Amino acid sequence: MPLASLVDMYNKAIAGNYAIPQFNVNNLEFIQAAMEVAEELKSPIILAASTSAIKYAGMNYLMGMVKAGCSEVSVPVAMHLDHGAAPADAKACIDAGFTSVMIDASHEDLDNNIRITKEVVVMAKDKGVCVEAELGRLGGIEDEVVVDEKDAFLTDPAEAERFVKETGLHALAIAVGTSHGAYKFKQTPKLAMDRITEIKKLTNIALVLHGASGVPKELLDLGIKYGAELPGAMGVPDEAYKDAVSRGINKINIDTDLRLAFMSHVRQFLAENPSVFDPRKILKPAKEAIKEQMRSKIRLFGCEGKGA
């Protein structure tokens, strides 16, 4: 089936009180894994590419693989630009057929963030493309996005209400204590859950949780066993996902967990099979590990069966 409208997918998620997973992709194996698991679990999914992922894979290659995957499944799949830095990034993706774009002007003051976001909303409206923006800032590193811990701050509910009213966007990424990358927390995570409840009440739109990978210990241990250096990495626990979704989160971004699954299983296979140089054999266990992470998140977020 063709790429789906994320606006429609969000309407169903809000009504059903569940979250749709966003899986960041940049190559064939990640796209295949997402499509296969979505069809298996009859779940809607969002595939996402950052600007650096687009540079790596190439827009035409990336969209060609995504569209080929969509032709193999019967569930809704949206294609999303993650952390577009400028309106020009959003326009390029809209023109290429993306059904959702994020404009991230969270580093600007509130008035400029509103102005830039509104520009993209107007640009996307005629083509029915969903628009996401961010208010508040997350710590950590994701591709080209870098925010020092001292500069990270939580989303203000009153500002969120104004932001949504003045921009007319469809989804808002909020800062409630998560962080990009594998090194999210130095101790047991404490997310500002009450803030999610308050912002949802004031905005009544799809809310998005960025920097939300779980960083599973078994993946860390496996990677470290075979030579990776990942000291002190820690992510979002399963209980926090469930609480956040119950309070109004409708999209949760997953990237780091997929990278960790890929890395750890490639390392293991190469270490245990030193004579193998067939990339298909090397990448197969990594793809299966990615799929297992995707299955886990779909079930945790409550969207299994929601794409049927």
C-alpha atoms as a PDB file:
ATOM      1  CA  MET A   1       0.000   0.000   0.000  1.00  0.00           C
ATOM      2  CA  PRO A   2       1.178   3.618  -0.482  1.00  0.00           C
ATOM      3  CA  LEU A   3       2.734   5.654   2.308  1.00  0.00           C
ATOM      4  CA  ALA A   4       0.073   6.602   4.842  1.00  0.00           C
ATOM      5  CA  SER A   5      -0.998   9.955   6.240  1.00  0.00           C
ATOM      6  CA  LEU A   6       0.546  10.370   9.662  1.00  0.00           C
ATOM      7  CA  VAL A   7      -2.238  12.815  10.535  1.00  0.00           C
ATOM      8  CA  ASP A   8      -4.757   9.981  10.200  1.00  0.00           C
ATOM      9  CA  MET A   9      -2.488   7.606  12.114  1.00  0.00           C
ATOM     10  CA  TYR A  10      -2.214  10.117  14.958  1.00  0.00           C
ATOM     11  CA  ASN A  11      -5.974  10.608  15.131  1.00  0.00           C
ATOM     12  CA  LYS A  12      -6.392   6.874  15.705  1.00  0.00           C
ATOM     13  CA  ALA A  13      -3.546   6.740  18.230  1.00  0.00           C
ATOM     14  CA  ILE A  14      -5.002   9.613  20.256  1.00  0.00           C
ATOM     15  CA  ALA A  15      -8.458   8.003  20.246  1.00  0.00           C
ATOM     16  CA  GLY A  16      -6.982   4.606  21.167  1.00  0.00           C
ATOM     17  CA  ASN A  17      -4.483   5.959  23.706  1.00  0.00           C
ATOM     18  CA  TYR A  18      -1.422   4.235  22.251  1.00  0.00           C
ATOM     19  CA  ALA A  19       1.916   5.311  20.776  1.00  0.00           C
ATOM     20  CA  ILE A  20       3.294   4.579  17.326  1.00  0.00           C
ATOM     21  CA  PRO A  21       6.973   3.678  17.185  1.00  0.00           C
ATOM     22  CA  GLN A  22       9.307   5.745  15.040  1.00  0.00           C
ATOM     23  CA  PHE A  23      12.169   3.623  13.757  1.00  0.00           C
ATOM     24  CA  ASN A  24      15.088   5.536  12.287  1.00  0.00           C
ATOM     25  CA  VAL A  25      16.374   3.905   9.101  1.00  0.00           C
ATOM     26  CA  ASN A  26      19.250   4.475   6.702  1.00  0.00           C
ATOM     27  CA  ASN A  27      19.840   1.180   4.884  1.00  0.00           C
ATOM     28  CA  LEU A  28      18.106  -1.863   3.443  1.00  0.00           C
ATOM     29  CA  GLU A  29      18.290  -4.107   6.501  1.00  0.00           C
ATOM     30  CA  PHE A  30      16.679  -1.560   8.840  1.00  0.00           C
ATOM     31  CA  ILE A  31      13.858  -0.867   6.370  1.00  0.00           C
ATOM     32  CA  GLN A  32      13.220  -4.568   5.722  1.00  0.00           C
ATOM     33  CA  ALA A  33      13.203  -5.287   9.469  1.00  0.00           C
ATOM     34  CA  ALA A  34      10.642  -2.575  10.167  1.00  0.00           C
ATOM     35  CA  MET A  35       8.324  -3.628   7.340  1.00  0.00           C
ATOM     36  CA  GLU A  36       8.474  -7.317   8.242  1.00  0.00           C
ATOM     37  CA  VAL A  37       7.744  -6.734  11.936  1.00  0.00           C
ATOM     38  CA  ALA A  38       4.960  -4.236  11.221  1.00  0.00           C
ATOM     39  CA  GLU A  39       3.228  -6.746   8.975  1.00  0.00           C
ATOM     40  CA  GLU A  40       3.813  -9.590  11.435  1.00  0.00           C
ATOM     41  CA  LEU A  41       2.282  -7.673  14.359  1.00  0.00           C
ATOM     42  CA  LYS A  42      -0.250  -5.726  12.261  1.00  0.00           C
ATOM     43  CA  SER A  43       1.081  -2.493  13.654  1.00  0.00           C
ATOM     44  CA  PRO A  44       1.272   0.988  12.176  1.00  0.00           C
ATOM     45  CA  ILE A  45       4.851   2.286  12.091  1.00  0.00           C
ATOM     46  CA  ILE A  46       6.760   5.446  11.280  1.00  0.00           C
ATOM     47  CA  LEU A  47      10.038   5.215   9.411  1.00  0.00           C
ATOM     48  CA  ALA A  48      12.304   8.213   9.906  1.00  0.00           C
ATOM     49  CA  ALA A  49      15.407   9.590   8.275  1.00  0.00           C
ATOM     50  CA  SER A  50      17.563  12.412   9.576  1.00  0.00           C
ATOM     51  CA  THR A  51      19.255  14.799   7.179  1.00  0.00           C
ATOM     52  CA  SER A  52      22.516  12.917   7.710  1.00  0.00           C
ATOM     53  CA  ALA A  53      20.801   9.599   6.946  1.00  0.00           C
ATOM     54  CA  ILE A  54      19.509  11.096   3.703  1.00  0.00           C
ATOM     55  CA  LYS A  55      23.011  12.256   2.818  1.00  0.00           C
ATOM     56  CA  TYR A  56      24.339   8.768   3.558  1.00  0.00           C
ATOM     57  CA  ALA A  57      21.748   6.718   1.671  1.00  0.00           C
ATOM     58  CA  GLY A  58      20.666   9.228  -0.964  1.00  0.00           C
ATOM     59  CA  MET A  59      17.089  10.508  -1.177  1.00  0.00           C
ATOM     60  CA  ASN A  60      16.179   8.464  -4.267  1.00  0.00           C
ATOM     61  CA  TYR A  61      17.678   5.238  -2.931  1.00  0.00           C
ATOM     62  CA  LEU A  62      16.040   5.728   0.464  1.00  0.00           C
ATOM     63  CA  MET A  63      12.580   6.489  -0.885  1.00  0.00           C
ATOM     64  CA  GLY A  64      12.896   3.725  -3.454  1.00  0.00           C
ATOM     65  CA  MET A  65      13.525   1.153  -0.725  1.00  0.00           C
ATOM     66  CA  VAL A  66      10.725   2.521   1.482  1.00  0.00           C
ATOM     67  CA  LYS A  67       8.185   2.487  -1.343  1.00  0.00           C
ATOM     68  CA  ALA A  68       9.215  -1.031  -2.304  1.00  0.00           C
ATOM     69  CA  GLY A  69       8.693  -2.109   1.304  1.00  0.00           C
ATOM     70  CA  CYS A  70       5.280  -0.465   1.453  1.00  0.00           C
ATOM     71  CA  SER A  71       4.184  -2.499  -1.561  1.00  0.00           C
ATOM     72  CA  GLU A  72       4.817  -5.659   0.475  1.00  0.00           C
ATOM     73  CA  VAL A  73       2.714  -4.762   3.542  1.00  0.00           C
ATOM     74  CA  SER A  74      -0.931  -4.132   4.399  1.00  0.00           C
ATOM     75  CA  VAL A  75      -0.388  -1.871   7.426  1.00  0.00           C
ATOM     76  CA  PRO A  76      -0.031   1.946   7.553  1.00  0.00           C
ATOM     77  CA  VAL A  77       3.556   3.182   7.164  1.00  0.00           C
ATOM     78  CA  ALA A  78       4.510   6.858   7.321  1.00  0.00           C
ATOM     79  CA  MET A  79       7.821   8.364   6.216  1.00  0.00           C
ATOM     80  CA  HIS A  80       9.134  11.145   8.431  1.00  0.00           C
ATOM     81  CA  LEU A  81      11.971  13.656   8.371  1.00  0.00           C
ATOM     82  CA  ASP A  82      13.638  13.605  11.783  1.00  0.00           C
ATOM     83  CA  HIS A  83      15.121  16.864  13.110  1.00  0.00           C
ATOM     84  CA  GLY A  84      14.984  18.949   9.966  1.00  0.00           C
ATOM     85  CA  ALA A  85      17.206  21.940  10.677  1.00  0.00           C
ATOM     86  CA  ALA A  86      15.637  24.382   8.232  1.00  0.00           C
ATOM     87  CA  PRO A  87      12.469  24.831   6.148  1.00  0.00           C
ATOM     88  CA  ALA A  88      14.516  23.875   3.069  1.00  0.00           C
ATOM     89  CA  ASP A  89      15.085  20.404   4.578  1.00  0.00           C
ATOM     90  CA  ALA A  90      11.335  19.988   5.064  1.00  0.00           C
ATOM     91  CA  LYS A  91      10.577  21.147   1.513  1.00  0.00           C
ATOM     92  CA  ALA A  92      13.046  18.672   0.005  1.00  0.00           C
ATOM     93  CA  CYS A  93      11.387  15.810   1.879  1.00  0.00           C
ATOM     94  CA  ILE A  94       7.851  16.942   1.083  1.00  0.00           C
ATOM     95  CA  ASP A  95       8.793  17.101  -2.590  1.00  0.00           C
ATOM     96  CA  ALA A  96      10.298  13.604  -2.353  1.00  0.00           C
ATOM     97  CA  GLY A  97       7.074  12.107  -0.977  1.00  0.00           C
ATOM     98  CA  PHE A  98       7.554  12.078   2.795  1.00  0.00           C
ATOM     99  CA  THR A  99       4.213  12.090   4.633  1.00  0.00           C
ATOM    100  CA  SER A 100       5.587  13.819   7.725  1.00  0.00           C
ATOM    101  CA  VAL A 101       8.361  16.304   8.476  1.00  0.00           C
ATOM    102  CA  MET A 102       9.909  17.649  11.641  1.00  0.00           C
ATOM    103  CA  ILE A 103      11.253  21.179  11.810  1.00  0.00           C
ATOM    104  CA  ASP A 104      13.497  21.545  14.843  1.00  0.00           C
ATOM    105  CA  ALA A 105      13.923  25.203  15.778  1.00  0.00           C
ATOM    106  CA  SER A 106      14.021  24.426  19.505  1.00  0.00           C
ATOM    107  CA  HIS A 107      17.370  26.219  19.771  1.00  0.00           C
ATOM    108  CA  GLU A 108      15.625  29.478  18.837  1.00  0.00           C
ATOM    109  CA  ASP A 109      13.624  31.679  21.213  1.00  0.00           C
ATOM    110  CA  LEU A 110       9.896  30.966  21.396  1.00  0.00           C
ATOM    111  CA  ASP A 111       8.816  33.621  18.897  1.00  0.00           C
ATOM    112  CA  ASN A 112      11.307  32.485  16.262  1.00  0.00           C
ATOM    113  CA  ASN A 113      10.469  28.825  16.870  1.00  0.00           C
ATOM    114  CA  ILE A 114       6.811  29.673  16.243  1.00  0.00           C
ATOM    115  CA  ARG A 115       7.630  31.678  13.103  1.00  0.00           C
ATOM    116  CA  ILE A 116       9.834  28.959  11.554  1.00  0.00           C
ATOM    117  CA  THR A 117       7.436  26.156  12.453  1.00  0.00           C
ATOM    118  CA  LYS A 118       4.461  28.039  11.023  1.00  0.00           C
ATOM    119  CA  GLU A 119       6.360  28.506   7.752  1.00  0.00           C
ATOM    120  CA  VAL A 120       6.692  24.724   7.428  1.00  0.00           C
ATOM    121  CA  VAL A 121       3.050  24.119   8.412  1.00  0.00           C
ATOM    122  CA  VAL A 122       1.910  26.422   5.603  1.00  0.00           C
ATOM    123  CA  MET A 123       4.303  24.723   3.176  1.00  0.00           C
ATOM    124  CA  ALA A 124       3.026  21.234   4.064  1.00  0.00           C
ATOM    125  CA  LYS A 125      -0.690  21.960   4.234  1.00  0.00           C
ATOM    126  CA  ASP A 126      -1.611  21.634   0.545  1.00  0.00           C
ATOM    127  CA  LYS A 127       0.026  18.195   0.332  1.00  0.00           C
ATOM    128  CA  GLY A 128      -1.523  16.887   3.547  1.00  0.00           C
ATOM    129  CA  VAL A 129       1.876  16.367   5.146  1.00  0.00           C
ATOM    130  CA  CYS A 130       2.059  16.091   8.929  1.00  0.00           C
ATOM    131  CA  VAL A 131       4.321  18.590  10.748  1.00  0.00           C
ATOM    132  CA  GLU A 132       6.153  18.003  14.019  1.00  0.00           C
ATOM    133  CA  ALA A 133       8.211  20.525  15.956  1.00  0.00           C
ATOM    134  CA  GLU A 134      10.057  20.569  19.259  1.00  0.00           C
ATOM    135  CA  LEU A 135       9.649  22.806  22.288  1.00  0.00           C
ATOM    136  CA  GLY A 136      12.164  22.564  25.102  1.00  0.00           C
ATOM    137  CA  ARG A 137      15.491  20.896  24.505  1.00  0.00           C
ATOM    138  CA  LEU A 138      16.834  17.408  25.124  1.00  0.00           C
ATOM    139  CA  GLY A 139      20.391  16.672  26.149  1.00  0.00           C
ATOM    140  CA  GLY A 140      22.714  14.312  24.319  1.00  0.00           C
ATOM    141  CA  ILE A 141      23.733  13.692  20.721  1.00  0.00           C
ATOM    142  CA  GLU A 142      21.732  12.440  17.745  1.00  0.00           C
ATOM    143  CA  ASP A 143      23.473  12.689  14.384  1.00  0.00           C
ATOM    144  CA  GLU A 144      24.204  16.415  13.990  1.00  0.00           C
ATOM    145  CA  VAL A 145      22.079  17.525  16.970  1.00  0.00           C
ATOM    146  CA  VAL A 146      24.203  18.266  20.041  1.00  0.00           C
ATOM    147  CA  VAL A 147      22.861  19.719  23.300  1.00  0.00           C
ATOM    148  CA  ASP A 148      25.004  20.009  26.401  1.00  0.00           C
ATOM    149  CA  GLU A 149      23.376  18.848  29.632  1.00  0.00           C
ATOM    150  CA  LYS A 150      23.511  22.341  31.105  1.00  0.00           C
ATOM    151  CA  ASP A 151      21.549  23.678  28.111  1.00  0.00           C
ATOM    152  CA  ALA A 152      18.765  21.081  28.234  1.00  0.00           C
ATOM    153  CA  PHE A 153      15.461  22.227  29.743  1.00  0.00           C
ATOM    154  CA  LEU A 154      11.944  20.930  30.099  1.00  0.00           C
ATOM    155  CA  THR A 155       8.964  22.039  28.018  1.00  0.00           C
ATOM    156  CA  ASP A 156       6.829  24.715  29.656  1.00  0.00           C
ATOM    157  CA  PRO A 157       3.117  23.746  29.439  1.00  0.00           C
ATOM    158  CA  ALA A 158       1.888  27.331  28.937  1.00  0.00           C
ATOM    159  CA  GLU A 159       4.394  27.852  26.123  1.00  0.00           C
ATOM    160  CA  ALA A 160       3.294  24.552  24.590  1.00  0.00           C
ATOM    161  CA  GLU A 161      -0.331  25.707  24.543  1.00  0.00           C
ATOM    162  CA  ARG A 162       0.633  28.960  22.809  1.00  0.00           C
ATOM    163  CA  PHE A 163       2.969  27.174  20.400  1.00  0.00           C
ATOM    164  CA  VAL A 164       0.288  24.745  19.218  1.00  0.00           C
ATOM    165  CA  LYS A 165      -2.377  27.439  18.821  1.00  0.00           C
ATOM    166  CA  GLU A 166      -0.146  29.801  16.835  1.00  0.00           C
ATOM    167  CA  THR A 167       1.527  27.254  14.563  1.00  0.00           C
ATOM    168  CA  GLY A 168      -1.288  24.799  13.817  1.00  0.00           C
ATOM    169  CA  LEU A 169       1.142  21.877  13.807  1.00  0.00           C
ATOM    170  CA  HIS A 170       0.072  18.233  14.210  1.00  0.00           C
ATOM    171  CA  ALA A 171       2.594  16.827  16.701  1.00  0.00           C
ATOM    172  CA  LEU A 172       4.782  18.299  19.410  1.00  0.00           C
ATOM    173  CA  ALA A 173       8.024  16.806  20.684  1.00  0.00           C
ATOM    174  CA  ILE A 174       8.376  17.692  24.351  1.00  0.00           C
ATOM    175  CA  ALA A 175      11.325  17.632  26.731  1.00  0.00           C
ATOM    176  CA  VAL A 176      10.496  15.756  29.932  1.00  0.00           C
ATOM    177  CA  GLY A 177      13.925  14.462  30.932  1.00  0.00           C
ATOM    178  CA  THR A 178      14.939  12.081  28.151  1.00  0.00           C
ATOM    179  CA  SER A 179      18.155  12.513  26.181  1.00  0.00           C
ATOM    180  CA  HIS A 180      19.542  11.550  22.785  1.00  0.00           C
ATOM    181  CA  GLY A 181      22.106   8.771  22.440  1.00  0.00           C
ATOM    182  CA  ALA A 182      23.061   5.815  24.635  1.00  0.00           C
ATOM    183  CA  TYR A 183      24.218   7.850  27.633  1.00  0.00           C
ATOM    184  CA  LYS A 184      20.894   9.290  28.733  1.00  0.00           C
ATOM    185  CA  PHE A 185      21.148   9.016  32.497  1.00  0.00           C
ATOM    186  CA  LYS A 186      23.786   8.801  35.205  1.00  0.00           C
ATOM    187  CA  GLN A 187      21.365   7.190  37.651  1.00  0.00           C
ATOM    188  CA  THR A 188      17.840   5.755  37.747  1.00  0.00           C
ATOM    189  CA  PRO A 189      15.761   7.811  35.289  1.00  0.00           C
ATOM    190  CA  LYS A 190      13.165  10.213  36.659  1.00  0.00           C
ATOM    191  CA  LEU A 191      11.023  11.634  33.884  1.00  0.00           C
ATOM    192  CA  ALA A 192       8.614  14.534  34.413  1.00  0.00           C
ATOM    193  CA  MET A 193       5.484  12.465  33.848  1.00  0.00           C
ATOM    194  CA  ASP A 194       3.077  15.021  35.319  1.00  0.00           C
ATOM    195  CA  ARG A 195       4.295  17.468  32.686  1.00  0.00           C
ATOM    196  CA  ILE A 196       3.128  15.098  29.935  1.00  0.00           C
ATOM    197  CA  THR A 197      -0.344  15.002  31.475  1.00  0.00           C
ATOM    198  CA  GLU A 198      -0.515  18.788  31.754  1.00  0.00           C
ATOM    199  CA  ILE A 199       0.739  19.472  28.224  1.00  0.00           C
ATOM    200  CA  LYS A 200      -1.680  16.921  26.743  1.00  0.00           C
ATOM    201  CA  LYS A 201      -4.589  18.553  28.533  1.00  0.00           C
ATOM    202  CA  LEU A 202      -3.641  22.007  27.239  1.00  0.00           C
ATOM    203  CA  THR A 203      -2.814  21.034  23.641  1.00  0.00           C
ATOM    204  CA  ASN A 204      -4.836  17.888  22.863  1.00  0.00           C
ATOM    205  CA  ILE A 205      -2.530  16.927  19.963  1.00  0.00           C
ATOM    206  CA  ALA A 206      -0.099  14.083  19.386  1.00  0.00           C
ATOM    207  CA  LEU A 207       2.839  14.324  21.787  1.00  0.00           C
ATOM    208  CA  VAL A 208       6.225  12.874  20.895  1.00  0.00           C
ATOM    209  CA  LEU A 209       8.992  11.457  23.073  1.00  0.00           C
ATOM    210  CA  HIS A 210      12.473  11.866  21.616  1.00  0.00           C
ATOM    211  CA  GLY A 211      15.646  10.384  23.081  1.00  0.00           C
ATOM    212  CA  ALA A 212      13.616   7.422  24.257  1.00  0.00           C
ATOM    213  CA  SER A 213      15.592   4.275  23.461  1.00  0.00           C
ATOM    214  CA  GLY A 214      15.804   1.734  26.258  1.00  0.00           C
ATOM    215  CA  VAL A 215      19.506   0.842  25.813  1.00  0.00           C
ATOM    216  CA  PRO A 216      18.943  -2.825  26.827  1.00  0.00           C
ATOM    217  CA  LYS A 217      21.631  -4.231  29.093  1.00  0.00           C
ATOM    218  CA  GLU A 218      21.830  -7.495  27.145  1.00  0.00           C
ATOM    219  CA  LEU A 219      22.832  -5.598  24.005  1.00  0.00           C
ATOM    220  CA  LEU A 220      25.414  -3.580  25.898  1.00  0.00           C
ATOM    221  CA  ASP A 221      26.854  -6.727  27.478  1.00  0.00           C
ATOM    222  CA  LEU A 222      27.019  -8.518  24.123  1.00  0.00           C
ATOM    223  CA  GLY A 223      28.687  -5.598  22.403  1.00  0.00           C
ATOM    224  CA  ILE A 224      31.200  -5.126  25.204  1.00  0.00           C
ATOM    225  CA  LYS A 225      31.974  -8.849  25.189  1.00  0.00           C
ATOM    226  CA  TYR A 226      33.054  -8.546  21.566  1.00  0.00           C
ATOM    227  CA  GLY A 227      35.054  -5.367  21.882  1.00  0.00           C
ATOM    228  CA  ALA A 228      32.658  -2.415  22.040  1.00  0.00           C
ATOM    229  CA  GLU A 229      33.370   0.413  24.463  1.00  0.00           C
ATOM    230  CA  LEU A 230      30.089   1.555  26.027  1.00  0.00           C
ATOM    231  CA  PRO A 231      30.744   2.291  29.715  1.00  0.00           C
ATOM    232  CA  GLY A 232      27.836   3.664  31.726  1.00  0.00           C
ATOM    233  CA  ALA A 233      25.226   3.632  28.940  1.00  0.00           C
ATOM    234  CA  MET A 234      21.670   3.720  30.293  1.00  0.00           C
ATOM    235  CA  GLY A 235      18.222   4.263  28.753  1.00  0.00           C
ATOM    236  CA  VAL A 236      14.487   4.505  29.386  1.00  0.00           C
ATOM    237  CA  PRO A 237      12.964   1.607  31.397  1.00  0.00           C
ATOM    238  CA  ASP A 238       9.885  -0.266  30.157  1.00  0.00           C
ATOM    239  CA  GLU A 239       7.717   1.070  33.000  1.00  0.00           C
ATOM    240  CA  ALA A 240       8.393   4.638  31.901  1.00  0.00           C
ATOM    241  CA  TYR A 241       7.186   3.897  28.365  1.00  0.00           C
ATOM    242  CA  LYS A 242       3.882   2.579  29.655  1.00  0.00           C
ATOM    243  CA  ASP A 243       3.360   5.523  31.993  1.00  0.00           C
ATOM    244  CA  ALA A 244       4.216   8.058  29.288  1.00  0.00           C
ATOM    245  CA  VAL A 245       1.802   6.472  26.804  1.00  0.00           C
ATOM    246  CA  SER A 246      -0.996   6.384  29.376  1.00  0.00           C
ATOM    247  CA  ARG A 247      -0.517  10.129  29.881  1.00  0.00           C
ATOM    248  CA  GLY A 248      -0.734  11.071  26.202  1.00  0.00           C
ATOM    249  CA  ILE A 249       2.476  10.264  24.326  1.00  0.00           C
ATOM    250  CA  ASN A 250       1.528   9.107  20.806  1.00  0.00           C
ATOM    251  CA  LYS A 251       4.929   8.678  19.114  1.00  0.00           C
ATOM    252  CA  ILE A 252       8.153   7.352  20.617  1.00  0.00           C
ATOM    253  CA  ASN A 253      11.416   7.612  18.693  1.00  0.00           C
ATOM    254  CA  ILE A 254      13.702   4.587  18.674  1.00  0.00           C
ATOM    255  CA  ASP A 255      17.151   4.774  17.095  1.00  0.00           C
ATOM    256  CA  THR A 256      19.918   3.927  19.574  1.00  0.00           C
ATOM    257  CA  ASP A 257      18.448   0.513  20.453  1.00  0.00           C
ATOM    258  CA  LEU A 258      18.430  -0.475  16.786  1.00  0.00           C
ATOM    259  CA  ARG A 259      22.023   0.635  16.324  1.00  0.00           C
ATOM    260  CA  LEU A 260      23.099  -1.263  19.423  1.00  0.00           C
ATOM    261  CA  ALA A 261      21.345  -4.424  18.226  1.00  0.00           C
ATOM    262  CA  PHE A 262      23.011  -4.117  14.827  1.00  0.00           C
ATOM    263  CA  MET A 263      26.473  -3.390  16.219  1.00  0.00           C
ATOM    264  CA  SER A 264      26.531  -6.074  18.898  1.00  0.00           C
ATOM    265  CA  HIS A 265      25.389  -8.884  16.592  1.00  0.00           C
ATOM    266  CA  VAL A 266      27.718  -7.923  13.761  1.00  0.00           C
ATOM    267  CA  ARG A 267      30.601  -7.937  16.241  1.00  0.00           C
ATOM    268  CA  GLN A 268      29.550 -11.318  17.595  1.00  0.00           C
ATOM    269  CA  PHE A 269      29.176 -12.903  14.168  1.00  0.00           C
ATOM    270  CA  LEU A 270      32.520 -11.645  12.896  1.00  0.00           C
ATOM    271  CA  ALA A 271      34.307 -12.792  16.057  1.00  0.00           C
ATOM    272  CA  GLU A 272      32.751 -16.254  15.938  1.00  0.00           C
ATOM    273  CA  ASN A 273      33.004 -16.706  12.152  1.00  0.00           C
ATOM    274  CA  PRO A 274      36.392 -15.274  11.135  1.00  0.00           C
ATOM    275  CA  SER A 275      36.399 -17.004   7.746  1.00  0.00           C
ATOM    276  CA  VAL A 276      33.020 -15.624   6.579  1.00  0.00           C
ATOM    277  CA  PHE A 277      33.079 -12.646   4.225  1.00  0.00           C
ATOM    278  CA  ASP A 278      29.601 -12.896   2.682  1.00  0.00           C
ATOM    279  CA  PRO A 279      27.786  -9.692   3.787  1.00  0.00           C
ATOM    280  CA  ARG A 280      24.428 -11.447   3.642  1.00  0.00           C
ATOM    281  CA  LYS A 281      25.538 -13.947   6.271  1.00  0.00           C
ATOM    282  CA  ILE A 282      27.128 -11.228   8.387  1.00  0.00           C
ATOM    283  CA  LEU A 283      24.076  -8.952   8.341  1.00  0.00           C
ATOM    284  CA  LYS A 284      21.339 -11.580   8.767  1.00  0.00           C
ATOM    285  CA  PRO A 285      21.714 -12.035  12.554  1.00  0.00           C
ATOM    286  CA  ALA A 286      21.985  -8.249  12.967  1.00  0.00           C
ATOM    287  CA  LYS A 287      18.719  -7.786  11.083  1.00  0.00           C
ATOM    288  CA  GLU A 288      17.002 -10.392  13.271  1.00  0.00           C
ATOM    289  CA  ALA A 289      18.260  -8.592  16.390  1.00  0.00           C
ATOM    290  CA  ILE A 290      16.856  -5.303  15.091  1.00  0.00           C
ATOM    291  CA  LYS A 291      13.501  -7.009  14.507  1.00  0.00           C
ATOM    292  CA  GLU A 292      13.416  -8.262  18.082  1.00  0.00           C
ATOM    293  CA  GLN A 293      13.895  -4.712  19.385  1.00  0.00           C
ATOM    294  CA  MET A 294      11.120  -3.496  17.110  1.00  0.00           C
ATOM    295  CA  ARG A 295       8.731  -6.219  18.276  1.00  0.00           C
ATOM    296  CA  SER A 296       9.402  -5.327  21.886  1.00  0.00           C
ATOM    297  CA  LYS A 297       8.700  -1.627  21.362  1.00  0.00           C
ATOM    298  CA  ILE A 298       5.521  -2.182  19.358  1.00  0.00           C
ATOM    299  CA  ARG A 299       4.120  -4.314  22.159  1.00  0.00           C
ATOM    300  CA  LEU A 300       5.240  -1.927  24.894  1.00  0.00           C
ATOM    301  CA  PHE A 301       3.673   1.050  23.148  1.00  0.00           C
ATOM    302  CA  GLY A 302       0.304  -0.696  22.811  1.00  0.00           C
ATOM    303  CA  CYS A 303       0.008  -0.592  19.018  1.00  0.00           C
ATOM    304  CA  GLU A 304       0.117  -4.298  18.146  1.00  0.00           C
ATOM    305  CA  GLY A 305      -2.935  -5.050  15.997  1.00  0.00           C
ATOM    306  CA  LYS A 306      -3.768  -1.372  15.520  1.00  0.00           C
ATOM    307  CA  GLY A 307      -2.778  -1.411  11.852  1.00  0.00           C
ATOM    308  CA  ALA A 308      -5.123  -4.191  10.828  1.00  0.00           C
END
